[in-house]
Full PDB file with SEQRES, HELIX, SHEET, SSBOND, CRYST1, ORIGX, SCALE, CONECT and MASTER records, all heavy atoms in Angstrom:
SEQRES   1 A   40  GLN VAL MET PRO ASP GLN THR VAL ILE TYR TYR TYR ALA          
SEQRES   2 A   40  ASP ALA LYS THR THR HIS THR THR TYR SER ASP GLY LEU          
SEQRES   3 A   40  GLU VAL LEU GLN PHE SER ASN GLY GLN ILE GLU LYS HIS          
SEQRES   4 A   40  TYR                                                          
SHEET    1 AA1 4 VAL A   8  TYR A  12  0                                        
SHEET    2 AA1 4 THR A  17  THR A  21 -1                                        
SHEET    3 AA1 4 GLU A  27  GLN A  30 -1                                        
SHEET    4 AA1 4 ILE A  36  HIS A  39 -1                                        
CRYST1    1.000    1.000    1.000  90.00  90.00  90.00 P 1           1          
ORIGX1      1.000000  0.000000  0.000000        0.00000                         
ORIGX2      0.000000  1.000000  0.000000        0.00000                         
ORIGX3      0.000000  0.000000  1.000000        0.00000                         
SCALE1      1.000000  0.000000  0.000000        0.00000                         
SCALE2      0.000000  1.000000  0.000000        0.00000                         
SCALE3      0.000000  0.000000  1.000000        0.00000                         
ATOM      1  N   GLN A   1      -4.690  -4.448 -12.771  1.00  0.00           N  
ATOM      2  CA  GLN A   1      -5.251  -3.153 -13.155  1.00  0.00           C  
ATOM      3  C   GLN A   1      -4.279  -2.465 -14.098  1.00  0.00           C  
ATOM      4  O   GLN A   1      -3.076  -2.441 -13.835  1.00  0.00           O  
ATOM      5  CB  GLN A   1      -5.447  -2.263 -11.936  1.00  0.00           C  
ATOM      6  CG  GLN A   1      -6.511  -2.728 -10.982  1.00  0.00           C  
ATOM      7  CD  GLN A   1      -6.610  -1.786  -9.792  1.00  0.00           C  
ATOM      8  OE1 GLN A   1      -5.733  -1.800  -8.939  1.00  0.00           O  
ATOM      9  NE2 GLN A   1      -7.655  -0.978  -9.758  1.00  0.00           N  
ATOM     10  N   VAL A   2      -4.799  -1.915 -15.180  1.00  0.00           N  
ATOM     11  CA  VAL A   2      -4.006  -1.091 -16.085  1.00  0.00           C  
ATOM     12  C   VAL A   2      -4.596   0.308 -16.000  1.00  0.00           C  
ATOM     13  O   VAL A   2      -5.787   0.497 -16.260  1.00  0.00           O  
ATOM     14  CB  VAL A   2      -4.035  -1.630 -17.536  1.00  0.00           C  
ATOM     15  CG1 VAL A   2      -3.195  -0.744 -18.444  1.00  0.00           C  
ATOM     16  CG2 VAL A   2      -3.548  -3.073 -17.592  1.00  0.00           C  
ATOM     17  N   MET A   3      -3.763   1.257 -15.618  1.00  0.00           N  
ATOM     18  CA  MET A   3      -4.221   2.625 -15.410  1.00  0.00           C  
ATOM     19  C   MET A   3      -4.047   3.436 -16.704  1.00  0.00           C  
ATOM     20  O   MET A   3      -3.304   3.035 -17.594  1.00  0.00           O  
ATOM     21  CB  MET A   3      -3.419   3.270 -14.268  1.00  0.00           C  
ATOM     22  CG  MET A   3      -3.395   2.443 -12.978  1.00  0.00           C  
ATOM     23  SD  MET A   3      -5.007   1.900 -12.422  1.00  0.00           S  
ATOM     24  CE  MET A   3      -5.507   3.341 -11.537  1.00  0.00           C  
ATOM     25  N   PRO A   4      -4.697   4.597 -16.797  1.00  0.00           N  
ATOM     26  CA  PRO A   4      -4.584   5.423 -18.007  1.00  0.00           C  
ATOM     27  C   PRO A   4      -3.145   5.772 -18.387  1.00  0.00           C  
ATOM     28  O   PRO A   4      -2.828   5.899 -19.557  1.00  0.00           O  
ATOM     29  CB  PRO A   4      -5.372   6.691 -17.654  1.00  0.00           C  
ATOM     30  CG  PRO A   4      -6.352   6.239 -16.633  1.00  0.00           C  
ATOM     31  CD  PRO A   4      -5.649   5.168 -15.844  1.00  0.00           C  
ATOM     32  N   ASP A   5      -2.255   5.930 -17.390  1.00  0.00           N  
ATOM     33  CA  ASP A   5      -0.853   6.257 -17.684  1.00  0.00           C  
ATOM     34  C   ASP A   5      -0.014   5.019 -17.986  1.00  0.00           C  
ATOM     35  O   ASP A   5       1.203   5.088 -18.033  1.00  0.00           O  
ATOM     36  CB  ASP A   5      -0.238   7.053 -16.534  1.00  0.00           C  
ATOM     37  CG  ASP A   5      -0.089   6.227 -15.256  1.00  0.00           C  
ATOM     38  OD1 ASP A   5      -0.514   5.053 -15.218  1.00  0.00           O  
ATOM     39  OD2 ASP A   5       0.463   6.776 -14.278  1.00  0.00           O  
ATOM     40  N   GLN A   6      -0.664   3.869 -18.167  1.00  0.00           N  
ATOM     41  CA  GLN A   6      -0.040   2.574 -18.473  1.00  0.00           C  
ATOM     42  C   GLN A   6       0.654   1.928 -17.277  1.00  0.00           C  
ATOM     43  O   GLN A   6       1.369   0.958 -17.427  1.00  0.00           O  
ATOM     44  CB  GLN A   6       0.940   2.676 -19.668  1.00  0.00           C  
ATOM     45  CG  GLN A   6       0.239   3.040 -20.973  1.00  0.00           C  
ATOM     46  CD  GLN A   6      -0.900   2.068 -21.301  1.00  0.00           C  
ATOM     47  OE1 GLN A   6      -0.696   0.886 -21.419  1.00  0.00           O  
ATOM     48  NE2 GLN A   6      -2.113   2.587 -21.403  1.00  0.00           N  
ATOM     49  N   THR A   7       0.461   2.463 -16.070  1.00  0.00           N  
ATOM     50  CA  THR A   7       0.921   1.789 -14.861  1.00  0.00           C  
ATOM     51  C   THR A   7       0.114   0.497 -14.733  1.00  0.00           C  
ATOM     52  O   THR A   7      -1.095   0.499 -14.924  1.00  0.00           O  
ATOM     53  CB  THR A   7       0.695   2.680 -13.620  1.00  0.00           C  
ATOM     54  OG1 THR A   7       1.498   3.853 -13.745  1.00  0.00           O  
ATOM     55  CG2 THR A   7       1.062   1.950 -12.334  1.00  0.00           C  
ATOM     56  N   VAL A   8       0.811  -0.601 -14.438  1.00  0.00           N  
ATOM     57  CA  VAL A   8       0.150  -1.895 -14.266  1.00  0.00           C  
ATOM     58  C   VAL A   8       0.309  -2.323 -12.812  1.00  0.00           C  
ATOM     59  O   VAL A   8       1.427  -2.386 -12.294  1.00  0.00           O  
ATOM     60  CB  VAL A   8       0.746  -2.966 -15.204  1.00  0.00           C  
ATOM     61  CG1 VAL A   8       0.098  -4.330 -14.964  1.00  0.00           C  
ATOM     62  CG2 VAL A   8       0.591  -2.556 -16.660  1.00  0.00           C  
ATOM     63  N   ILE A   9      -0.813  -2.584 -12.158  1.00  0.00           N  
ATOM     64  CA  ILE A   9      -0.807  -3.036 -10.760  1.00  0.00           C  
ATOM     65  C   ILE A   9      -1.362  -4.454 -10.758  1.00  0.00           C  
ATOM     66  O   ILE A   9      -2.492  -4.676 -11.188  1.00  0.00           O  
ATOM     67  CB  ILE A   9      -1.677  -2.123  -9.870  1.00  0.00           C  
ATOM     68  CG1 ILE A   9      -1.203  -0.665  -9.981  1.00  0.00           C  
ATOM     69  CG2 ILE A   9      -1.643  -2.602  -8.415  1.00  0.00           C  
ATOM     70  CD1 ILE A   9      -2.185   0.343  -9.423  1.00  0.00           C  
ATOM     71  N   TYR A  10      -0.533  -5.406 -10.298  1.00  0.00           N  
ATOM     72  CA  TYR A  10      -0.969  -6.807 -10.267  1.00  0.00           C  
ATOM     73  C   TYR A  10      -0.941  -7.279  -8.813  1.00  0.00           C  
ATOM     74  O   TYR A  10       0.095  -7.188  -8.159  1.00  0.00           O  
ATOM     75  CB  TYR A  10      -0.064  -7.687 -11.130  1.00  0.00           C  
ATOM     76  CG  TYR A  10      -0.680  -9.036 -11.441  1.00  0.00           C  
ATOM     77  CD1 TYR A  10      -1.214  -9.308 -12.691  1.00  0.00           C  
ATOM     78  CD2 TYR A  10      -0.758 -10.031 -10.471  1.00  0.00           C  
ATOM     79  CE1 TYR A  10      -1.802 -10.535 -12.986  1.00  0.00           C  
ATOM     80  CE2 TYR A  10      -1.348 -11.251 -10.741  1.00  0.00           C  
ATOM     81  CZ  TYR A  10      -1.861 -11.499 -12.002  1.00  0.00           C  
ATOM     82  OH  TYR A  10      -2.442 -12.725 -12.277  1.00  0.00           O  
ATOM     83  N   TYR A  11      -2.083  -7.748  -8.351  1.00  0.00           N  
ATOM     84  CA  TYR A  11      -2.180  -8.265  -6.984  1.00  0.00           C  
ATOM     85  C   TYR A  11      -2.266  -9.785  -7.053  1.00  0.00           C  
ATOM     86  O   TYR A  11      -3.156 -10.341  -7.693  1.00  0.00           O  
ATOM     87  CB  TYR A  11      -3.422  -7.697  -6.287  1.00  0.00           C  
ATOM     88  CG  TYR A  11      -3.640  -8.282  -4.903  1.00  0.00           C  
ATOM     89  CD1 TYR A  11      -2.824  -7.910  -3.837  1.00  0.00           C  
ATOM     90  CD2 TYR A  11      -4.642  -9.213  -4.669  1.00  0.00           C  
ATOM     91  CE1 TYR A  11      -3.009  -8.455  -2.573  1.00  0.00           C  
ATOM     92  CE2 TYR A  11      -4.830  -9.755  -3.405  1.00  0.00           C  
ATOM     93  CZ  TYR A  11      -4.016  -9.382  -2.364  1.00  0.00           C  
ATOM     94  OH  TYR A  11      -4.191  -9.918  -1.119  1.00  0.00           O  
ATOM     95  N   TYR A  12      -1.303 -10.458  -6.402  1.00  0.00           N  
ATOM     96  CA  TYR A  12      -1.295 -11.925  -6.312  1.00  0.00           C  
ATOM     97  C   TYR A  12      -2.032 -12.301  -5.033  1.00  0.00           C  
ATOM     98  O   TYR A  12      -1.532 -12.053  -3.928  1.00  0.00           O  
ATOM     99  CB  TYR A  12       0.140 -12.450  -6.264  1.00  0.00           C  
ATOM    100  CG  TYR A  12       0.928 -12.150  -7.519  1.00  0.00           C  
ATOM    101  CD1 TYR A  12       1.676 -10.983  -7.636  1.00  0.00           C  
ATOM    102  CD2 TYR A  12       0.920 -13.039  -8.591  1.00  0.00           C  
ATOM    103  CE1 TYR A  12       2.403 -10.702  -8.779  1.00  0.00           C  
ATOM    104  CE2 TYR A  12       1.646 -12.765  -9.745  1.00  0.00           C  
ATOM    105  CZ  TYR A  12       2.384 -11.597  -9.836  1.00  0.00           C  
ATOM    106  OH  TYR A  12       3.099 -11.330 -10.976  1.00  0.00           O  
ATOM    107  N   ALA A  13      -3.208 -12.874  -5.179  1.00  0.00           N  
ATOM    108  CA  ALA A  13      -4.073 -13.154  -4.029  1.00  0.00           C  
ATOM    109  C   ALA A  13      -3.453 -14.159  -3.072  1.00  0.00           C  
ATOM    110  O   ALA A  13      -3.436 -13.943  -1.864  1.00  0.00           O  
ATOM    111  CB  ALA A  13      -5.438 -13.645  -4.507  1.00  0.00           C  
ATOM    112  N   ASP A  14      -2.930 -15.284  -3.589  1.00  0.00           N  
ATOM    113  CA  ASP A  14      -2.374 -16.323  -2.708  1.00  0.00           C  
ATOM    114  C   ASP A  14      -1.209 -15.797  -1.885  1.00  0.00           C  
ATOM    115  O   ASP A  14      -1.100 -16.057  -0.691  1.00  0.00           O  
ATOM    116  CB  ASP A  14      -1.928 -17.551  -3.511  1.00  0.00           C  
ATOM    117  CG  ASP A  14      -3.089 -18.448  -3.894  1.00  0.00           C  
ATOM    118  OD1 ASP A  14      -4.209 -18.247  -3.365  1.00  0.00           O  
ATOM    119  OD2 ASP A  14      -2.883 -19.354  -4.725  1.00  0.00           O  
ATOM    120  N   ALA A  15      -0.317 -15.044  -2.518  1.00  0.00           N  
ATOM    121  CA  ALA A  15       0.876 -14.528  -1.832  1.00  0.00           C  
ATOM    122  C   ALA A  15       0.607 -13.202  -1.129  1.00  0.00           C  
ATOM    123  O   ALA A  15       1.469 -12.705  -0.405  1.00  0.00           O  
ATOM    124  CB  ALA A  15       2.014 -14.360  -2.833  1.00  0.00           C  
ATOM    125  N   LYS A  16      -0.575 -12.613  -1.363  1.00  0.00           N  
ATOM    126  CA  LYS A  16      -0.909 -11.292  -0.807  1.00  0.00           C  
ATOM    127  C   LYS A  16       0.189 -10.279  -1.130  1.00  0.00           C  
ATOM    128  O   LYS A  16       0.676  -9.537  -0.278  1.00  0.00           O  
ATOM    129  CB  LYS A  16      -1.151 -11.378   0.696  1.00  0.00           C  
ATOM    130  CG  LYS A  16      -2.373 -12.191   1.071  1.00  0.00           C  
ATOM    131  CD  LYS A  16      -2.565 -12.256   2.581  1.00  0.00           C  
ATOM    132  CE  LYS A  16      -3.784 -13.028   2.982  1.00  0.00           C  
ATOM    133  NZ  LYS A  16      -3.830 -14.420   2.604  1.00  0.00           N  
ATOM    134  N   THR A  17       0.604 -10.277  -2.402  1.00  0.00           N  
ATOM    135  CA  THR A  17       1.691  -9.436  -2.875  1.00  0.00           C  
ATOM    136  C   THR A  17       1.202  -8.558  -4.017  1.00  0.00           C  
ATOM    137  O   THR A  17       0.472  -9.029  -4.886  1.00  0.00           O  
ATOM    138  CB  THR A  17       2.866 -10.322  -3.367  1.00  0.00           C  
ATOM    139  OG1 THR A  17       3.330 -11.101  -2.269  1.00  0.00           O  
ATOM    140  CG2 THR A  17       4.009  -9.498  -3.912  1.00  0.00           C  
ATOM    141  N   THR A  18       1.592  -7.298  -4.005  1.00  0.00           N  
ATOM    142  CA  THR A  18       1.247  -6.378  -5.084  1.00  0.00           C  
ATOM    143  C   THR A  18       2.505  -6.033  -5.870  1.00  0.00           C  
ATOM    144  O   THR A  18       3.530  -5.682  -5.288  1.00  0.00           O  
ATOM    145  CB  THR A  18       0.615  -5.086  -4.523  1.00  0.00           C  
ATOM    146  OG1 THR A  18      -0.536  -5.437  -3.756  1.00  0.00           O  
ATOM    147  CG2 THR A  18       0.200  -4.139  -5.639  1.00  0.00           C  
ATOM    148  N   HIS A  19       2.423  -6.146  -7.201  1.00  0.00           N  
ATOM    149  CA  HIS A  19       3.538  -5.840  -8.098  1.00  0.00           C  
ATOM    150  C   HIS A  19       3.070  -4.703  -9.010  1.00  0.00           C  
ATOM    151  O   HIS A  19       2.184  -4.895  -9.829  1.00  0.00           O  
ATOM    152  CB  HIS A  19       3.891  -7.082  -8.910  1.00  0.00           C  
ATOM    153  CG  HIS A  19       5.054  -6.894  -9.835  1.00  0.00           C  
ATOM    154  ND1 HIS A  19       5.535  -7.911 -10.616  1.00  0.00           N  
ATOM    155  CD2 HIS A  19       5.830  -5.832 -10.113  1.00  0.00           C  
ATOM    156  CE1 HIS A  19       6.555  -7.468 -11.332  1.00  0.00           C  
ATOM    157  NE2 HIS A  19       6.746  -6.207 -11.041  1.00  0.00           N  
ATOM    158  N   THR A  20       3.665  -3.526  -8.835  1.00  0.00           N  
ATOM    159  CA  THR A  20       3.300  -2.362  -9.631  1.00  0.00           C  
ATOM    160  C   THR A  20       4.431  -2.056 -10.606  1.00  0.00           C  
ATOM    161  O   THR A  20       5.586  -1.961 -10.207  1.00  0.00           O  
ATOM    162  CB  THR A  20       3.048  -1.128  -8.733  1.00  0.00           C  
ATOM    163  OG1 THR A  20       2.066  -1.481  -7.748  1.00  0.00           O  
ATOM    164  CG2 THR A  20       2.564   0.058  -9.539  1.00  0.00           C  
ATOM    165  N   THR A  21       4.091  -1.929 -11.889  1.00  0.00           N  
ATOM    166  CA  THR A  21       5.062  -1.566 -12.919  1.00  0.00           C  
ATOM    167  C   THR A  21       4.645  -0.218 -13.490  1.00  0.00           C  
ATOM    168  O   THR A  21       3.550  -0.082 -14.032  1.00  0.00           O  
ATOM    169  CB  THR A  21       5.107  -2.623 -14.037  1.00  0.00           C  
ATOM    170  OG1 THR A  21       5.368  -3.905 -13.459  1.00  0.00           O  
ATOM    171  CG2 THR A  21       6.198  -2.308 -15.052  1.00  0.00           C  
ATOM    172  N   TYR A  22       5.518   0.775 -13.339  1.00  0.00           N  
ATOM    173  CA  TYR A  22       5.232   2.118 -13.828  1.00  0.00           C  
ATOM    174  C   TYR A  22       5.707   2.266 -15.267  1.00  0.00           C  
ATOM    175  O   TYR A  22       6.578   1.520 -15.727  1.00  0.00           O  
ATOM    176  CB  TYR A  22       5.900   3.163 -12.923  1.00  0.00           C  
ATOM    177  CG  TYR A  22       5.331   3.157 -11.526  1.00  0.00           C  
ATOM    178  CD1 TYR A  22       5.896   2.371 -10.516  1.00  0.00           C  
ATOM    179  CD2 TYR A  22       4.199   3.902 -11.212  1.00  0.00           C  
ATOM    180  CE1 TYR A  22       5.354   2.344  -9.240  1.00  0.00           C  
ATOM    181  CE2 TYR A  22       3.651   3.880  -9.934  1.00  0.00           C  
ATOM    182  CZ  TYR A  22       4.237   3.093  -8.965  1.00  0.00           C  
ATOM    183  OH  TYR A  22       3.693   3.062  -7.708  1.00  0.00           O  
ATOM    184  N   SER A  23       5.158   3.247 -15.966  1.00  0.00           N  
ATOM    185  CA  SER A  23       5.486   3.438 -17.382  1.00  0.00           C  
ATOM    186  C   SER A  23       6.963   3.768 -17.604  1.00  0.00           C  
ATOM    187  O   SER A  23       7.502   3.494 -18.664  1.00  0.00           O  
ATOM    188  CB  SER A  23       4.597   4.509 -18.001  1.00  0.00           C  
ATOM    189  OG  SER A  23       4.698   5.708 -17.275  1.00  0.00           O  
ATOM    190  N   ASP A  24       7.639   4.308 -16.576  1.00  0.00           N  
ATOM    191  CA  ASP A  24       9.074   4.617 -16.712  1.00  0.00           C  
ATOM    192  C   ASP A  24       9.954   3.391 -16.453  1.00  0.00           C  
ATOM    193  O   ASP A  24      11.170   3.474 -16.509  1.00  0.00           O  
ATOM    194  CB  ASP A  24       9.477   5.764 -15.785  1.00  0.00           C  
ATOM    195  CG  ASP A  24       9.353   5.428 -14.299  1.00  0.00           C  
ATOM    196  OD1 ASP A  24       8.981   4.286 -13.950  1.00  0.00           O  
ATOM    197  OD2 ASP A  24       9.633   6.327 -13.478  1.00  0.00           O  
ATOM    198  N   GLY A  25       9.333   2.228 -16.138  1.00  0.00           N  
ATOM    199  CA  GLY A  25      10.090   1.002 -15.940  1.00  0.00           C  
ATOM    200  C   GLY A  25      10.327   0.632 -14.489  1.00  0.00           C  
ATOM    201  O   GLY A  25      10.768  -0.476 -14.202  1.00  0.00           O  
ATOM    202  N   LEU A  26      10.047   1.536 -13.556  1.00  0.00           N  
ATOM    203  CA  LEU A  26      10.192   1.225 -12.130  1.00  0.00           C  
ATOM    204  C   LEU A  26       9.186   0.144 -11.749  1.00  0.00           C  
ATOM    205  O   LEU A  26       8.020   0.217 -12.133  1.00  0.00           O  
ATOM    206  CB  LEU A  26       9.951   2.471 -11.278  1.00  0.00           C  
ATOM    207  CG  LEU A  26       9.881   2.257  -9.756  1.00  0.00           C  
ATOM    208  CD1 LEU A  26      11.224   1.790  -9.203  1.00  0.00           C  
ATOM    209  CD2 LEU A  26       9.424   3.529  -9.058  1.00  0.00           C  
ATOM    210  N   GLU A  27       9.655  -0.880 -11.021  1.00  0.00           N  
ATOM    211  CA  GLU A  27       8.771  -1.925 -10.509  1.00  0.00           C  
ATOM    212  C   GLU A  27       8.829  -1.907  -8.997  1.00  0.00           C  
ATOM    213  O   GLU A  27       9.908  -1.842  -8.416  1.00  0.00           O  
ATOM    214  CB  GLU A  27       9.204  -3.298 -11.029  1.00  0.00           C  
ATOM    215  CG  GLU A  27       9.034  -3.461 -12.523  1.00  0.00           C  
ATOM    216  CD  GLU A  27       9.396  -4.854 -12.985  1.00  0.00           C  
ATOM    217  OE1 GLU A  27       8.901  -5.837 -12.386  1.00  0.00           O  
ATOM    218  OE2 GLU A  27      10.184  -4.963 -13.936  1.00  0.00           O  
ATOM    219  N   VAL A  28       7.656  -1.960  -8.348  1.00  0.00           N  
ATOM    220  CA  VAL A  28       7.584  -1.968  -6.893  1.00  0.00           C  
ATOM    221  C   VAL A  28       6.795  -3.196  -6.465  1.00  0.00           C  
ATOM    222  O   VAL A  28       5.684  -3.420  -6.939  1.00  0.00           O  
ATOM    223  CB  VAL A  28       6.911  -0.680  -6.354  1.00  0.00           C  
ATOM    224  CG1 VAL A  28       6.804  -0.735  -4.829  1.00  0.00           C  
ATOM    225  CG2 VAL A  28       7.687   0.558  -6.792  1.00  0.00           C  
ATOM    226  N   LEU A  29       7.411  -4.018  -5.591  1.00  0.00           N  
ATOM    227  CA  LEU A  29       6.735  -5.189  -5.044  1.00  0.00           C  
ATOM    228  C   LEU A  29       6.476  -4.945  -3.568  1.00  0.00           C  
ATOM    229  O   LEU A  29       7.397  -4.572  -2.835  1.00  0.00           O  
ATOM    230  CB  LEU A  29       7.599  -6.438  -5.224  1.00  0.00           C  
ATOM    231  CG  LEU A  29       7.754  -6.873  -6.673  1.00  0.00           C  
ATOM    232  CD1 LEU A  29       9.128  -6.496  -7.176  1.00  0.00           C  
ATOM    233  CD2 LEU A  29       7.531  -8.346  -6.805  1.00  0.00           C  
ATOM    234  N   GLN A  30       5.231  -5.141  -3.155  1.00  0.00           N  
ATOM    235  CA  GLN A  30       4.853  -4.970  -1.752  1.00  0.00           C  
ATOM    236  C   GLN A  30       4.357  -6.311  -1.243  1.00  0.00           C  
ATOM    237  O   GLN A  30       3.370  -6.844  -1.762  1.00  0.00           O  
ATOM    238  CB  GLN A  30       3.770  -3.909  -1.621  1.00  0.00           C  
ATOM    239  CG  GLN A  30       4.255  -2.534  -2.044  1.00  0.00           C  
ATOM    240  CD  GLN A  30       3.137  -1.519  -2.094  1.00  0.00           C  
ATOM    241  OE1 GLN A  30       2.309  -1.572  -2.975  1.00  0.00           O  
ATOM    242  NE2 GLN A  30       3.145  -0.606  -1.136  1.00  0.00           N  
ATOM    243  N   PHE A  31       5.064  -6.861  -0.252  1.00  0.00           N  
ATOM    244  CA  PHE A  31       4.749  -8.177   0.289  1.00  0.00           C  
ATOM    245  C   PHE A  31       3.871  -8.043   1.526  1.00  0.00           C  
ATOM    246  O   PHE A  31       3.873  -7.010   2.194  1.00  0.00           O  
ATOM    247  CB  PHE A  31       6.044  -8.929   0.621  1.00  0.00           C  
ATOM    248  CG  PHE A  31       6.901  -9.174  -0.591  1.00  0.00           C  
ATOM    249  CD1 PHE A  31       7.890  -8.270  -0.949  1.00  0.00           C  
ATOM    250  CD2 PHE A  31       6.721 -10.298  -1.376  1.00  0.00           C  
ATOM    251  CE1 PHE A  31       8.683  -8.479  -2.066  1.00  0.00           C  
ATOM    252  CE2 PHE A  31       7.513 -10.517  -2.494  1.00  0.00           C  
ATOM    253  CZ  PHE A  31       8.494  -9.605  -2.843  1.00  0.00           C  
ATOM    254  N   SER A  32       3.178  -9.124   1.851  1.00  0.00           N  
ATOM    255  CA  SER A  32       2.238  -9.090   2.979  1.00  0.00           C  
ATOM    256  C   SER A  32       2.934  -8.873   4.322  1.00  0.00           C  
ATOM    257  O   SER A  32       2.329  -8.385   5.262  1.00  0.00           O  
ATOM    258  CB  SER A  32       1.416 -10.382   3.014  1.00  0.00           C  
ATOM    259  OG  SER A  32       2.263 -11.495   3.180  1.00  0.00           O  
ATOM    260  N   ASN A  33       4.233  -9.194   4.420  1.00  0.00           N  
ATOM    261  CA  ASN A  33       4.956  -9.005   5.687  1.00  0.00           C  
ATOM    262  C   ASN A  33       5.465  -7.576   5.856  1.00  0.00           C  
ATOM    263  O   ASN A  33       6.135  -7.263   6.835  1.00  0.00           O  
ATOM    264  CB  ASN A  33       6.122  -9.993   5.795  1.00  0.00           C  
ATOM    265  CG  ASN A  33       7.224  -9.729   4.786  1.00  0.00           C  
ATOM    266  OD1 ASN A  33       7.109  -8.863   3.919  1.00  0.00           O  
ATOM    267  ND2 ASN A  33       8.303 -10.482   4.878  1.00  0.00           N  
ATOM    268  N   GLY A  34       5.165  -6.707   4.883  1.00  0.00           N  
ATOM    269  CA  GLY A  34       5.606  -5.314   4.974  1.00  0.00           C  
ATOM    270  C   GLY A  34       6.856  -5.011   4.173  1.00  0.00           C  
ATOM    271  O   GLY A  34       7.237  -3.857   4.028  1.00  0.00           O  
ATOM    272  N   GLN A  35       7.521  -6.045   3.634  1.00  0.00           N  
ATOM    273  CA  GLN A  35       8.717  -5.818   2.823  1.00  0.00           C  
ATOM    274  C   GLN A  35       8.318  -5.145   1.512  1.00  0.00           C  
ATOM    275  O   GLN A  35       7.317  -5.498   0.905  1.00  0.00           O  
ATOM    276  CB  GLN A  35       9.415  -7.142   2.533  1.00  0.00           C  
ATOM    277  CG  GLN A  35      10.674  -6.995   1.687  1.00  0.00           C  
ATOM    278  CD  GLN A  35      11.442  -8.297   1.585  1.00  0.00           C  
ATOM    279  OE1 GLN A  35      11.617  -8.986   2.578  1.00  0.00           O  
ATOM    280  NE2 GLN A  35      11.893  -8.640   0.393  1.00  0.00           N  
ATOM    281  N   ILE A  36       9.130  -4.168   1.094  1.00  0.00           N  
ATOM    282  CA  ILE A  36       8.900  -3.464  -0.169  1.00  0.00           C  
ATOM    283  C   ILE A  36      10.194  -3.510  -0.974  1.00  0.00           C  
ATOM    284  O   ILE A  36      11.265  -3.197  -0.466  1.00  0.00           O  
ATOM    285  CB  ILE A  36       8.490  -1.993   0.073  1.00  0.00           C  
ATOM    286  CG1 ILE A  36       7.177  -1.932   0.851  1.00  0.00           C  
ATOM    287  CG2 ILE A  36       8.383  -1.236  -1.251  1.00  0.00           C  
ATOM    288  CD1 ILE A  36       6.797  -0.540   1.311  1.00  0.00           C  
ATOM    289  N   GLU A  37      10.076  -3.924  -2.240  1.00  0.00           N  
ATOM    290  CA  GLU A  37      11.230  -3.947  -3.132  1.00  0.00           C  
ATOM    291  C   GLU A  37      10.972  -3.005  -4.287  1.00  0.00           C  
ATOM    292  O   GLU A  37       9.895  -3.007  -4.865  1.00  0.00           O  
ATOM    293  CB  GLU A  37      11.478  -5.349  -3.691  1.00  0.00           C  
ATOM    294  CG  GLU A  37      11.952  -6.338  -2.681  1.00  0.00           C  
ATOM    295  CD  GLU A  37      12.333  -7.683  -3.293  1.00  0.00           C  
ATOM    296  OE1 GLU A  37      12.493  -7.773  -4.536  1.00  0.00           O  
ATOM    297  OE2 GLU A  37      12.469  -8.644  -2.527  1.00  0.00           O  
ATOM    298  N   LYS A  38      12.000  -2.197  -4.601  1.00  0.00           N  
ATOM    299  CA  LYS A  38      11.933  -1.324  -5.777  1.00  0.00           C  
ATOM    300  C   LYS A  38      13.012  -1.782  -6.742  1.00  0.00           C  
ATOM    301  O   LYS A  38      14.184  -1.861  -6.365  1.00  0.00           O  
ATOM    302  CB  LYS A  38      12.164   0.135  -5.382  1.00  0.00           C  
ATOM    303  CG  LYS A  38      11.068   0.706  -4.516  1.00  0.00           C  
ATOM    304  CD  LYS A  38      11.340   2.151  -4.153  1.00  0.00           C  
ATOM    305  CE  LYS A  38      10.237   2.690  -3.242  1.00  0.00           C  
ATOM    306  NZ  LYS A  38      10.514   4.069  -2.821  1.00  0.00           N  
ATOM    307  N   HIS A  39      12.603  -2.089  -7.961  1.00  0.00           N  
ATOM    308  CA  HIS A  39      13.529  -2.500  -9.012  1.00  0.00           C  
ATOM    309  C   HIS A  39      13.550  -1.369 -10.046  1.00  0.00           C  
ATOM    310  O   HIS A  39      12.554  -1.149 -10.732  1.00  0.00           O  
ATOM    311  CB  HIS A  39      13.084  -3.810  -9.656  1.00  0.00           C  
ATOM    312  CG  HIS A  39      13.040  -4.959  -8.702  1.00  0.00           C  
ATOM    313  ND1 HIS A  39      13.347  -6.248  -9.074  1.00  0.00           N  
ATOM    314  CD2 HIS A  39      12.753  -5.041  -7.379  1.00  0.00           C  
ATOM    315  CE1 HIS A  39      13.219  -7.061  -8.039  1.00  0.00           C  
ATOM    316  NE2 HIS A  39      12.859  -6.335  -7.003  1.00  0.00           N  
ATOM    317  N   TYR A  40      14.682  -0.669 -10.120  1.00  0.00           N  
ATOM    318  CA  TYR A  40      14.791   0.487 -11.004  1.00  0.00           C  
ATOM    319  C   TYR A  40      15.171   0.047 -12.412  1.00  0.00           C  
ATOM    320  O   TYR A  40      15.818  -0.988 -12.593  1.00  0.00           O  
ATOM    321  CB  TYR A  40      15.833   1.464 -10.443  1.00  0.00           C  
ATOM    322  CG  TYR A  40      15.377   2.093  -9.146  1.00  0.00           C  
ATOM    323  CD1 TYR A  40      15.677   1.505  -7.913  1.00  0.00           C  
ATOM    324  CD2 TYR A  40      14.622   3.263  -9.153  1.00  0.00           C  
ATOM    325  CE1 TYR A  40      15.231   2.075  -6.725  1.00  0.00           C  
ATOM    326  CE2 TYR A  40      14.180   3.837  -7.968  1.00  0.00           C  
ATOM    327  CZ  TYR A  40      14.491   3.239  -6.763  1.00  0.00           C  
ATOM    328  OH  TYR A  40      14.052   3.795  -5.596  1.00  0.00           O  
TER     329      TYR A  40                                                      
MASTER        0    0    0    0    4    0    0    6  328    1    0    4          
END                                                                             
């Protein structure tokens, strides 16, 4: 998904993982086990 503010949300179906990239460069990965990673 590409949002109006250029945020990109990518959901990997096999891994059940969501990777969100914000326009300011912050990346957030949310894993199916509940782990969340923020890459600044």
